[in-house]
């Protein structure tokens, strides 16, 4: 007895050109959706039950999603820099994460 596989409208390991699963469809995904999709891919890869071709396709999609998320985070950081105001002037200042003592 094997694990039941997730149902998919695309053939196993393949994605249609306009699907969010394809590199072309990634541009349509918001940050949260892209991150959730990436987490799903990581879970599937960690299970280790994908065939080599499926694992490679999933890995490639994961790389594309990672780049997409990183780009969206960079865009958000640039927007934050523009919105920082100091005194009477608006200035661009890099976003700095604060480390909270635990």
PDB file of N, CA and C in Angstrom:
ATOM      1  N   UNK A   1       0.826  -1.183   0.000  1.00  0.00           N
ATOM      2  CA  UNK A   1       0.000   0.000   0.000  1.00  0.00           C
ATOM      3  C   UNK A   1       0.865   1.238   0.000  1.00  0.00           C
ATOM      4  N   UNK A   2       0.621   2.151  -0.949  1.00  0.00           N
ATOM      5  CA  UNK A   2       1.360   3.409  -1.006  1.00  0.00           C
ATOM      6  C   UNK A   2       0.504   4.553  -0.525  1.00  0.00           C
ATOM      7  N   UNK A   3       1.142   5.664  -0.371  1.00  0.00           N
ATOM      8  CA  UNK A   3       0.408   6.872   0.018  1.00  0.00           C
ATOM      9  C   UNK A   3      -0.455   7.332  -1.141  1.00  0.00           C
ATOM     10  N   UNK A   4      -1.665   7.832  -0.864  1.00  0.00           N
ATOM     11  CA  UNK A   4      -2.460   8.384  -1.963  1.00  0.00           C
ATOM     12  C   UNK A   4      -1.819   9.678  -2.443  1.00  0.00           C
ATOM     13  N   UNK A   5      -1.797   9.848  -3.719  1.00  0.00           N
ATOM     14  CA  UNK A   5      -1.222  11.065  -4.295  1.00  0.00           C
ATOM     15  C   UNK A   5      -2.277  12.155  -4.370  1.00  0.00           C
ATOM     16  N   UNK A   6      -1.801  13.412  -4.315  1.00  0.00           N
ATOM     17  CA  UNK A   6      -2.717  14.546  -4.425  1.00  0.00           C
ATOM     18  C   UNK A   6      -3.278  14.588  -5.835  1.00  0.00           C
ATOM     19  N   UNK A   7      -4.547  14.917  -5.935  1.00  0.00           N
ATOM     20  CA  UNK A   7      -5.171  15.051  -7.245  1.00  0.00           C
ATOM     21  C   UNK A   7      -4.684  16.327  -7.896  1.00  0.00           C
ATOM     22  N   UNK A   8      -4.470  16.267  -9.193  1.00  0.00           N
ATOM     23  CA  UNK A   8      -3.984  17.426  -9.932  1.00  0.00           C
ATOM     24  C   UNK A   8      -4.617  17.415 -11.306  1.00  0.00           C
ATOM     25  N   UNK A   9      -4.919  18.605 -11.819  1.00  0.00           N
ATOM     26  CA  UNK A   9      -5.498  18.690 -13.143  1.00  0.00           C
ATOM     27  C   UNK A   9      -4.430  18.547 -14.218  1.00  0.00           C
ATOM     28  N   UNK A  10      -3.152  18.787 -13.864  1.00  0.00           N
ATOM     29  CA  UNK A  10      -2.063  18.649 -14.819  1.00  0.00           C
ATOM     30  C   UNK A  10      -1.467  17.266 -14.682  1.00  0.00           C
ATOM     31  N   UNK A  11      -0.888  16.750 -15.763  1.00  0.00           N
ATOM     32  CA  UNK A  11      -0.212  15.465 -15.663  1.00  0.00           C
ATOM     33  C   UNK A  11       0.885  15.541 -14.610  1.00  0.00           C
ATOM     34  N   UNK A  12       1.190  14.408 -14.016  1.00  0.00           N
ATOM     35  CA  UNK A  12       2.175  14.354 -12.944  1.00  0.00           C
ATOM     36  C   UNK A  12       3.499  14.943 -13.402  1.00  0.00           C
ATOM     37  N   UNK A  13       3.988  15.962 -12.638  1.00  0.00           N
ATOM     38  CA  UNK A  13       5.262  16.571 -12.940  1.00  0.00           C
ATOM     39  C   UNK A  13       5.194  17.627 -14.022  1.00  0.00           C
ATOM     40  N   UNK A  14       4.021  17.894 -14.582  1.00  0.00           N
ATOM     41  CA  UNK A  14       3.894  18.887 -15.642  1.00  0.00           C
ATOM     42  C   UNK A  14       2.931  19.970 -15.216  1.00  0.00           C
ATOM     43  N   UNK A  15       3.051  21.119 -15.857  1.00  0.00           N
ATOM     44  CA  UNK A  15       2.157  22.236 -15.573  1.00  0.00           C
ATOM     45  C   UNK A  15       1.785  22.904 -16.883  1.00  0.00           C
ATOM     46  N   UNK A  16       0.562  23.391 -16.958  1.00  0.00           N
ATOM     47  CA  UNK A  16       0.151  24.098 -18.162  1.00  0.00           C
ATOM     48  C   UNK A  16       0.796  25.471 -18.197  1.00  0.00           C
ATOM     49  N   UNK A  17       0.897  26.057 -19.381  1.00  0.00           N
ATOM     50  CA  UNK A  17       1.614  27.320 -19.547  1.00  0.00           C
ATOM     51  C   UNK A  17       0.997  28.466 -18.766  1.00  0.00           C
ATOM     52  N   UNK A  18      -0.297  28.458 -18.534  1.00  0.00           N
ATOM     53  CA  UNK A  18      -0.944  29.561 -17.835  1.00  0.00           C
ATOM     54  C   UNK A  18      -1.238  29.261 -16.381  1.00  0.00           C
ATOM     55  N   UNK A  19      -0.792  28.133 -15.894  1.00  0.00           N
ATOM     56  CA  UNK A  19      -1.035  27.726 -14.522  1.00  0.00           C
ATOM     57  C   UNK A  19      -0.087  28.437 -13.577  1.00  0.00           C
ATOM     58  N   UNK A  20      -0.523  28.728 -12.327  1.00  0.00           N
ATOM     59  CA  UNK A  20       0.404  29.294 -11.356  1.00  0.00           C
ATOM     60  C   UNK A  20       1.564  28.349 -11.070  1.00  0.00           C
ATOM     61  N   UNK A  21       1.437  27.060 -11.451  1.00  0.00           N
ATOM     62  CA  UNK A  21       2.507  26.094 -11.244  1.00  0.00           C
ATOM     63  C   UNK A  21       3.624  26.268 -12.261  1.00  0.00           C
ATOM     64  N   UNK A  22       3.378  26.972 -13.360  1.00  0.00           N
ATOM     65  CA  UNK A  22       4.388  27.145 -14.384  1.00  0.00           C
ATOM     66  C   UNK A  22       5.154  28.433 -14.140  1.00  0.00           C
ATOM     67  N   UNK A  23       6.400  28.525 -14.630  1.00  0.00           N
ATOM     68  CA  UNK A  23       7.161  29.753 -14.454  1.00  0.00           C
ATOM     69  C   UNK A  23       6.442  30.975 -15.008  1.00  0.00           C
ATOM     70  N   UNK A  24       5.707  30.808 -16.113  1.00  0.00           N
ATOM     71  CA  UNK A  24       4.978  31.934 -16.679  1.00  0.00           C
ATOM     72  C   UNK A  24       3.857  32.392 -15.751  1.00  0.00           C
ATOM     73  N   UNK A  25       3.216  31.453 -15.057  1.00  0.00           N
ATOM     74  CA  UNK A  25       2.104  31.772 -14.173  1.00  0.00           C
ATOM     75  C   UNK A  25       2.536  32.332 -12.829  1.00  0.00           C
ATOM     76  N   UNK A  26       3.826  32.264 -12.493  1.00  0.00           N
ATOM     77  CA  UNK A  26       4.306  32.742 -11.204  1.00  0.00           C
ATOM     78  C   UNK A  26       4.115  34.239 -11.038  1.00  0.00           C
ATOM     79  N   UNK A  27       4.167  34.981 -12.134  1.00  0.00           N
ATOM     80  CA  UNK A  27       4.016  36.431 -12.059  1.00  0.00           C
ATOM     81  C   UNK A  27       2.641  36.833 -11.541  1.00  0.00           C
ATOM     82  N   UNK A  28       1.671  35.945 -11.667  1.00  0.00           N
ATOM     83  CA  UNK A  28       0.313  36.234 -11.214  1.00  0.00           C
ATOM     84  C   UNK A  28       0.139  36.011  -9.717  1.00  0.00           C
ATOM     85  N   UNK A  29       1.062  35.288  -9.093  1.00  0.00           N
ATOM     86  CA  UNK A  29       0.929  34.957  -7.684  1.00  0.00           C
ATOM     87  C   UNK A  29       1.342  36.118  -6.791  1.00  0.00           C
ATOM     88  N   UNK A  30       0.552  36.363  -5.761  1.00  0.00           N
ATOM     89  CA  UNK A  30       0.941  37.312  -4.742  1.00  0.00           C
ATOM     90  C   UNK A  30       1.977  36.660  -3.837  1.00  0.00           C
ATOM     91  N   UNK A  31       2.583  37.449  -2.953  1.00  0.00           N
ATOM     92  CA  UNK A  31       3.639  36.940  -2.087  1.00  0.00           C
ATOM     93  C   UNK A  31       3.166  35.765  -1.245  1.00  0.00           C
ATOM     94  N   UNK A  32       2.027  35.915  -0.590  1.00  0.00           N
ATOM     95  CA  UNK A  32       1.535  34.873   0.302  1.00  0.00           C
ATOM     96  C   UNK A  32       1.233  33.581  -0.448  1.00  0.00           C
ATOM     97  N   UNK A  33       0.638  33.703  -1.641  1.00  0.00           N
ATOM     98  CA  UNK A  33       0.326  32.521  -2.447  1.00  0.00           C
ATOM     99  C   UNK A  33       1.603  31.840  -2.926  1.00  0.00           C
ATOM    100  N   UNK A  34       2.584  32.649  -3.350  1.00  0.00           N
ATOM    101  CA  UNK A  34       3.856  32.090  -3.812  1.00  0.00           C
ATOM    102  C   UNK A  34       4.573  31.377  -2.671  1.00  0.00           C
ATOM    103  N   UNK A  35       4.551  31.976  -1.488  1.00  0.00           N
ATOM    104  CA  UNK A  35       5.194  31.359  -0.332  1.00  0.00           C
ATOM    105  C   UNK A  35       4.500  30.057   0.058  1.00  0.00           C
ATOM    106  N   UNK A  36       3.175  30.042   0.029  1.00  0.00           N
ATOM    107  CA  UNK A  36       2.430  28.820   0.344  1.00  0.00           C
ATOM    108  C   UNK A  36       2.740  27.728  -0.672  1.00  0.00           C
ATOM    109  N   UNK A  37       2.821  28.098  -1.949  1.00  0.00           N
ATOM    110  CA  UNK A  37       3.152  27.128  -2.993  1.00  0.00           C
ATOM    111  C   UNK A  37       4.561  26.584  -2.771  1.00  0.00           C
ATOM    112  N   UNK A  38       5.497  27.461  -2.412  1.00  0.00           N
ATOM    113  CA  UNK A  38       6.866  27.044  -2.145  1.00  0.00           C
ATOM    114  C   UNK A  38       6.917  26.062  -0.980  1.00  0.00           C
ATOM    115  N   UNK A  39       6.160  26.332   0.074  1.00  0.00           N
ATOM    116  CA  UNK A  39       6.114  25.421   1.219  1.00  0.00           C
ATOM    117  C   UNK A  39       5.571  24.054   0.819  1.00  0.00           C
ATOM    118  N   UNK A  40       4.571  24.031  -0.058  1.00  0.00           N
ATOM    119  CA  UNK A  40       4.015  22.769  -0.550  1.00  0.00           C
ATOM    120  C   UNK A  40       5.067  21.985  -1.321  1.00  0.00           C
ATOM    121  N   UNK A  41       5.822  22.682  -2.156  1.00  0.00           N
ATOM    122  CA  UNK A  41       6.867  22.030  -2.944  1.00  0.00           C
ATOM    123  C   UNK A  41       7.944  21.449  -2.031  1.00  0.00           C
ATOM    124  N   UNK A  42       8.363  22.224  -1.036  1.00  0.00           N
ATOM    125  CA  UNK A  42       9.377  21.737  -0.097  1.00  0.00           C
ATOM    126  C   UNK A  42       8.878  20.483   0.609  1.00  0.00           C
ATOM    127  N   UNK A  43       7.617  20.497   1.047  1.00  0.00           N
ATOM    128  CA  UNK A  43       7.048  19.317   1.714  1.00  0.00           C
ATOM    129  C   UNK A  43       7.084  18.097   0.796  1.00  0.00           C
ATOM    130  N   UNK A  44       6.702  18.281  -0.467  1.00  0.00           N
ATOM    131  CA  UNK A  44       6.696  17.162  -1.421  1.00  0.00           C
ATOM    132  C   UNK A  44       8.107  16.633  -1.654  1.00  0.00           C
ATOM    133  N   UNK A  45       9.077  17.553  -1.777  1.00  0.00           N
ATOM    134  CA  UNK A  45      10.454  17.116  -1.989  1.00  0.00           C
ATOM    135  C   UNK A  45      11.000  16.390  -0.761  1.00  0.00           C
ATOM    136  N   UNK A  46      10.638  16.864   0.418  1.00  0.00           N
ATOM    137  CA  UNK A  46      11.118  16.235   1.649  1.00  0.00           C
ATOM    138  C   UNK A  46      10.545  14.829   1.837  1.00  0.00           C
ATOM    139  N   UNK A  47       9.352  14.576   1.304  1.00  0.00           N
ATOM    140  CA  UNK A  47       8.752  13.244   1.416  1.00  0.00           C
ATOM    141  C   UNK A  47       9.566  12.215   0.646  1.00  0.00           C
ATOM    142  N   UNK A  48      10.236  12.649  -0.409  1.00  0.00           N
ATOM    143  CA  UNK A  48      11.113  11.766  -1.159  1.00  0.00           C
ATOM    144  C   UNK A  48      10.423  10.731  -2.028  1.00  0.00           C
ATOM    145  N   UNK A  49       9.131  10.909  -2.310  1.00  0.00           N
ATOM    146  CA  UNK A  49       8.433   9.900  -3.110  1.00  0.00           C
ATOM    147  C   UNK A  49       8.190  10.343  -4.555  1.00  0.00           C
ATOM    148  N   UNK A  50       8.830  11.428  -4.985  1.00  0.00           N
ATOM    149  CA  UNK A  50       8.681  11.883  -6.366  1.00  0.00           C
ATOM    150  C   UNK A  50       9.695  11.178  -7.249  1.00  0.00           C
ATOM    151  N   UNK A  51       9.307  10.930  -8.476  1.00  0.00           N
ATOM    152  CA  UNK A  51      10.247  10.408  -9.455  1.00  0.00           C
ATOM    153  C   UNK A  51      11.249  11.512  -9.774  1.00  0.00           C
ATOM    154  N   UNK A  52      12.389  11.135 -10.332  1.00  0.00           N
ATOM    155  CA  UNK A  52      13.452  12.094 -10.602  1.00  0.00           C
ATOM    156  C   UNK A  52      12.975  13.283 -11.436  1.00  0.00           C
ATOM    157  N   UNK A  53      12.259  13.032 -12.506  1.00  0.00           N
ATOM    158  CA  UNK A  53      11.765  14.116 -13.366  1.00  0.00           C
ATOM    159  C   UNK A  53      10.824  15.047 -12.618  1.00  0.00           C
ATOM    160  N   UNK A  54       9.949  14.464 -11.796  1.00  0.00           N
ATOM    161  CA  UNK A  54       9.014  15.271 -10.996  1.00  0.00           C
ATOM    162  C   UNK A  54       9.769  16.092  -9.956  1.00  0.00           C
ATOM    163  N   UNK A  55      10.776  15.479  -9.334  1.00  0.00           N
ATOM    164  CA  UNK A  55      11.558  16.186  -8.320  1.00  0.00           C
ATOM    165  C   UNK A  55      12.318  17.352  -8.943  1.00  0.00           C
ATOM    166  N   UNK A  56      12.892  17.138 -10.116  1.00  0.00           N
ATOM    167  CA  UNK A  56      13.606  18.225 -10.796  1.00  0.00           C
ATOM    168  C   UNK A  56      12.664  19.360 -11.174  1.00  0.00           C
ATOM    169  N   UNK A  57      11.487  19.019 -11.695  1.00  0.00           N
ATOM    170  CA  UNK A  57      10.507  20.039 -12.064  1.00  0.00           C
ATOM    171  C   UNK A  57      10.053  20.813 -10.824  1.00  0.00           C
ATOM    172  N   UNK A  58       9.821  20.111  -9.732  1.00  0.00           N
ATOM    173  CA  UNK A  58       9.408  20.763  -8.492  1.00  0.00           C
ATOM    174  C   UNK A  58      10.519  21.671  -7.975  1.00  0.00           C
ATOM    175  N   UNK A  59      11.756  21.202  -8.047  1.00  0.00           N
ATOM    176  CA  UNK A  59      12.892  21.998  -7.599  1.00  0.00           C
ATOM    177  C   UNK A  59      13.018  23.270  -8.433  1.00  0.00           C
ATOM    178  N   UNK A  60      12.895  23.139  -9.757  1.00  0.00           N
ATOM    179  CA  UNK A  60      12.964  24.311 -10.642  1.00  0.00           C
ATOM    180  C   UNK A  60      11.867  25.320 -10.306  1.00  0.00           C
ATOM    181  N   UNK A  61      10.662  24.810 -10.061  1.00  0.00           N
ATOM    182  CA  UNK A  61       9.563  25.700  -9.692  1.00  0.00           C
ATOM    183  C   UNK A  61       9.855  26.369  -8.352  1.00  0.00           C
ATOM    184  N   UNK A  62      10.425  25.618  -7.425  1.00  0.00           N
ATOM    185  CA  UNK A  62      10.778  26.178  -6.128  1.00  0.00           C
ATOM    186  C   UNK A  62      11.798  27.294  -6.246  1.00  0.00           C
ATOM    187  N   UNK A  63      12.790  27.116  -7.109  1.00  0.00           N
ATOM    188  CA  UNK A  63      13.787  28.169  -7.335  1.00  0.00           C
ATOM    189  C   UNK A  63      13.116  29.419  -7.902  1.00  0.00           C
ATOM    190  N   UNK A  64      12.231  29.228  -8.874  1.00  0.00           N
ATOM    191  CA  UNK A  64      11.517  30.366  -9.465  1.00  0.00           C
ATOM    192  C   UNK A  64      10.651  31.071  -8.421  1.00  0.00           C
ATOM    193  N   UNK A  65       9.985  30.299  -7.571  1.00  0.00           N
ATOM    194  CA  UNK A  65       9.160  30.892  -6.514  1.00  0.00           C
ATOM    195  C   UNK A  65      10.019  31.645  -5.503  1.00  0.00           C
ATOM    196  N   UNK A  66      11.175  31.090  -5.171  1.00  0.00           N
ATOM    197  CA  UNK A  66      12.086  31.755  -4.244  1.00  0.00           C
ATOM    198  C   UNK A  66      12.524  33.095  -4.808  1.00  0.00           C
ATOM    199  N   UNK A  67      12.871  33.111  -6.081  1.00  0.00           N
ATOM    200  CA  UNK A  67      13.277  34.373  -6.733  1.00  0.00           C
ATOM    201  C   UNK A  67      12.126  35.361  -6.756  1.00  0.00           C
ATOM    202  N   UNK A  68      10.936  34.874  -7.030  1.00  0.00           N
ATOM    203  CA  UNK A  68       9.742  35.733  -7.051  1.00  0.00           C
ATOM    204  C   UNK A  68       9.521  36.362  -5.677  1.00  0.00           C
ATOM    205  N   UNK A  69       9.556  35.554  -4.632  1.00  0.00           N
ATOM    206  CA  UNK A  69       9.343  36.064  -3.270  1.00  0.00           C
ATOM    207  C   UNK A  69      10.430  37.054  -2.885  1.00  0.00           C
ATOM    208  N   UNK A  70      11.687  36.743  -3.215  1.00  0.00           N
ATOM    209  CA  UNK A  70      12.795  37.642  -2.890  1.00  0.00           C
ATOM    210  C   UNK A  70      12.616  38.985  -3.600  1.00  0.00           C
ATOM    211  N   UNK A  71      12.198  38.949  -4.848  1.00  0.00           N
ATOM    212  CA  UNK A  71      11.960  40.184  -5.588  1.00  0.00           C
ATOM    213  C   UNK A  71      10.841  41.016  -4.975  1.00  0.00           C
ATOM    214  N   UNK A  72       9.778  40.340  -4.553  1.00  0.00           N
ATOM    215  CA  UNK A  72       8.663  41.054  -3.922  1.00  0.00           C
ATOM    216  C   UNK A  72       9.094  41.666  -2.598  1.00  0.00           C
ATOM    217  N   UNK A  73       9.925  40.966  -1.838  1.00  0.00           N
ATOM    218  CA  UNK A  73      10.427  41.520  -0.578  1.00  0.00           C
ATOM    219  C   UNK A  73      11.333  42.726  -0.835  1.00  0.00           C
ATOM    220  N   UNK A  74      12.168  42.651  -1.864  1.00  0.00           N
ATOM    221  CA  UNK A  74      13.024  43.783  -2.218  1.00  0.00           C
ATOM    222  C   UNK A  74      12.185  44.992  -2.620  1.00  0.00           C
ATOM    223  N   UNK A  75      11.121  44.769  -3.390  1.00  0.00           N
ATOM    224  CA  UNK A  75      10.227  45.860  -3.778  1.00  0.00           C
ATOM    225  C   UNK A  75       9.588  46.499  -2.550  1.00  0.00           C
ATOM    226  N   UNK A  76       9.149  45.680  -1.610  1.00  0.00           N
ATOM    227  CA  UNK A  76       8.542  46.195  -0.381  1.00  0.00           C
ATOM    228  C   UNK A  76       9.557  47.001   0.414  1.00  0.00           C
ATOM    229  N   UNK A  77      10.784  46.522   0.474  1.00  0.00           N
ATOM    230  CA  UNK A  77      11.833  47.239   1.202  1.00  0.00           C
ATOM    231  C   UNK A  77      12.089  48.603   0.562  1.00  0.00           C
ATOM    232  N   UNK A  78      12.126  48.657  -0.758  1.00  0.00           N
ATOM    233  CA  UNK A  78      12.312  49.948  -1.444  1.00  0.00           C
ATOM    234  C   UNK A  78      11.166  50.901  -1.146  1.00  0.00           C
ATOM    235  N   UNK A  79       9.957  50.382  -1.103  1.00  0.00           N
ATOM    236  CA  UNK A  79       8.801  51.235  -0.783  1.00  0.00           C
ATOM    237  C   UNK A  79       8.911  51.776   0.632  1.00  0.00           C
ATOM    238  N   UNK A  80       9.373  50.958   1.563  1.00  0.00           N
ATOM    239  CA  UNK A  80       9.540  51.404   2.948  1.00  0.00           C
ATOM    240  C   UNK A  80      10.594  52.504   3.007  1.00  0.00           C
ATOM    241  N   UNK A  81      11.690  52.332   2.261  1.00  0.00           N
ATOM    242  CA  UNK A  81      12.743  53.342   2.249  1.00  0.00           C
ATOM    243  C   UNK A  81      12.198  54.693   1.806  1.00  0.00           C
ATOM    244  N   UNK A  82      11.340  54.683   0.809  1.00  0.00           N
ATOM    245  CA  UNK A  82      10.779  55.926   0.286  1.00  0.00           C
ATOM    246  C   UNK A  82       9.862  56.584   1.310  1.00  0.00           C
ATOM    247  N   UNK A  83       9.208  55.797   2.142  1.00  0.00           N
ATOM    248  CA  UNK A  83       8.233  56.336   3.077  1.00  0.00           C
ATOM    249  C   UNK A  83       8.827  56.828   4.396  1.00  0.00           C
ATOM    250  N   UNK A  84      10.100  56.562   4.612  1.00  0.00           N
ATOM    251  CA  UNK A  84      10.729  56.989   5.864  1.00  0.00           C
ATOM    252  C   UNK A  84      10.871  58.512   5.842  1.00  0.00           C
ATOM    253  N   UNK A  85      10.418  59.132   6.885  1.00  0.00           N
ATOM    254  CA  UNK A  85      10.484  60.591   6.959  1.00  0.00           C
ATOM    255  C   UNK A  85      11.316  60.973   8.178  1.00  0.00           C
ATOM    256  N   UNK A  86      12.209  61.915   7.957  1.00  0.00           N
ATOM    257  CA  UNK A  86      13.048  62.392   9.043  1.00  0.00           C
ATOM    258  C   UNK A  86      12.966  63.914   9.055  1.00  0.00           C
ATOM    259  N   UNK A  87      12.472  64.468  10.181  1.00  0.00           N
ATOM    260  CA  UNK A  87      12.309  65.918  10.273  1.00  0.00           C
ATOM    261  C   UNK A  87      11.291  66.408   9.271  1.00  0.00           C
ATOM    262  N   UNK A  88      11.638  67.437   8.561  1.00  0.00           N
ATOM    263  CA  UNK A  88      10.747  68.038   7.563  1.00  0.00           C
ATOM    264  C   UNK A  88      10.925  67.414   6.178  1.00  0.00           C
ATOM    265  N   UNK A  89      11.926  66.600   6.025  1.00  0.00           N
ATOM    266  CA  UNK A  89      12.251  66.050   4.712  1.00  0.00           C
ATOM    267  C   UNK A  89      11.949  64.559   4.664  1.00  0.00           C
ATOM    268  N   UNK A  90      11.548  64.124   3.475  1.00  0.00           N
ATOM    269  CA  UNK A  90      11.423  62.688   3.224  1.00  0.00           C
ATOM    270  C   UNK A  90      12.772  62.227   2.727  1.00  0.00           C
ATOM    271  N   UNK A  91      13.312  61.218   3.343  1.00  0.00           N
ATOM    272  CA  UNK A  91      14.597  60.709   2.904  1.00  0.00           C
ATOM    273  C   UNK A  91      14.501  59.205   2.696  1.00  0.00           C
ATOM    274  N   UNK A  92      15.376  58.715   1.846  1.00  0.00           N
ATOM    275  CA  UNK A  92      15.461  57.269   1.646  1.00  0.00           C
ATOM    276  C   UNK A  92      16.474  56.727   2.636  1.00  0.00           C
ATOM    277  N   UNK A  93      16.039  55.779   3.426  1.00  0.00           N
ATOM    278  CA  UNK A  93      16.918  55.158   4.407  1.00  0.00           C
ATOM    279  C   UNK A  93      16.632  53.663   4.367  1.00  0.00           C
ATOM    280  N   UNK A  94      17.667  52.849   4.388  1.00  0.00           N
ATOM    281  CA  UNK A  94      17.431  51.405   4.318  1.00  0.00           C
ATOM    282  C   UNK A  94      16.575  50.922   5.476  1.00  0.00           C
ATOM    283  N   UNK A  95      15.766  49.929   5.188  1.00  0.00           N
ATOM    284  CA  UNK A  95      14.946  49.282   6.207  1.00  0.00           C
ATOM    285  C   UNK A  95      15.875  48.506   7.127  1.00  0.00           C
ATOM    286  N   UNK A  96      15.724  48.725   8.421  1.00  0.00           N
ATOM    287  CA  UNK A  96      16.568  48.019   9.383  1.00  0.00           C
ATOM    288  C   UNK A  96      15.673  47.186  10.284  1.00  0.00           C
ATOM    289  N   UNK A  97      16.001  45.909  10.377  1.00  0.00           N
ATOM    290  CA  UNK A  97      15.246  45.034  11.270  1.00  0.00           C
ATOM    291  C   UNK A  97      15.727  45.276  12.673  1.00  0.00           C
ATOM    292  N   UNK A  98      14.790  45.290  13.620  1.00  0.00           N
ATOM    293  CA  UNK A  98      15.174  45.424  15.007  1.00  0.00           C
ATOM    294  C   UNK A  98      15.247  44.047  15.616  1.00  0.00           C
ATOM    295  N   UNK A  99      16.271  43.826  16.393  1.00  0.00           N
ATOM    296  CA  UNK A  99      16.404  42.546  17.074  1.00  0.00           C
ATOM    297  C   UNK A  99      15.867  42.709  18.475  1.00  0.00           C
ATOM    298  N   UNK A 100      14.870  41.901  18.800  1.00  0.00           N
ATOM    299  CA  UNK A 100      14.281  41.963  20.129  1.00  0.00           C
ATOM    300  C   UNK A 100      15.014  41.004  21.043  1.00  0.00           C
ATOM    301  N   UNK A 101      15.336  41.497  22.214  1.00  0.00           N
ATOM    302  CA  UNK A 101      16.008  40.635  23.196  1.00  0.00           C
ATOM    303  C   UNK A 101      14.997  39.629  23.711  1.00  0.00           C
ATOM    304  N   UNK A 102      15.382  38.374  23.797  1.00  0.00           N
ATOM    305  CA  UNK A 102      14.446  37.332  24.185  1.00  0.00           C
ATOM    306  C   UNK A 102      14.688  36.774  25.469  1.00  0.00           C
TER     307      UNK A 102
END
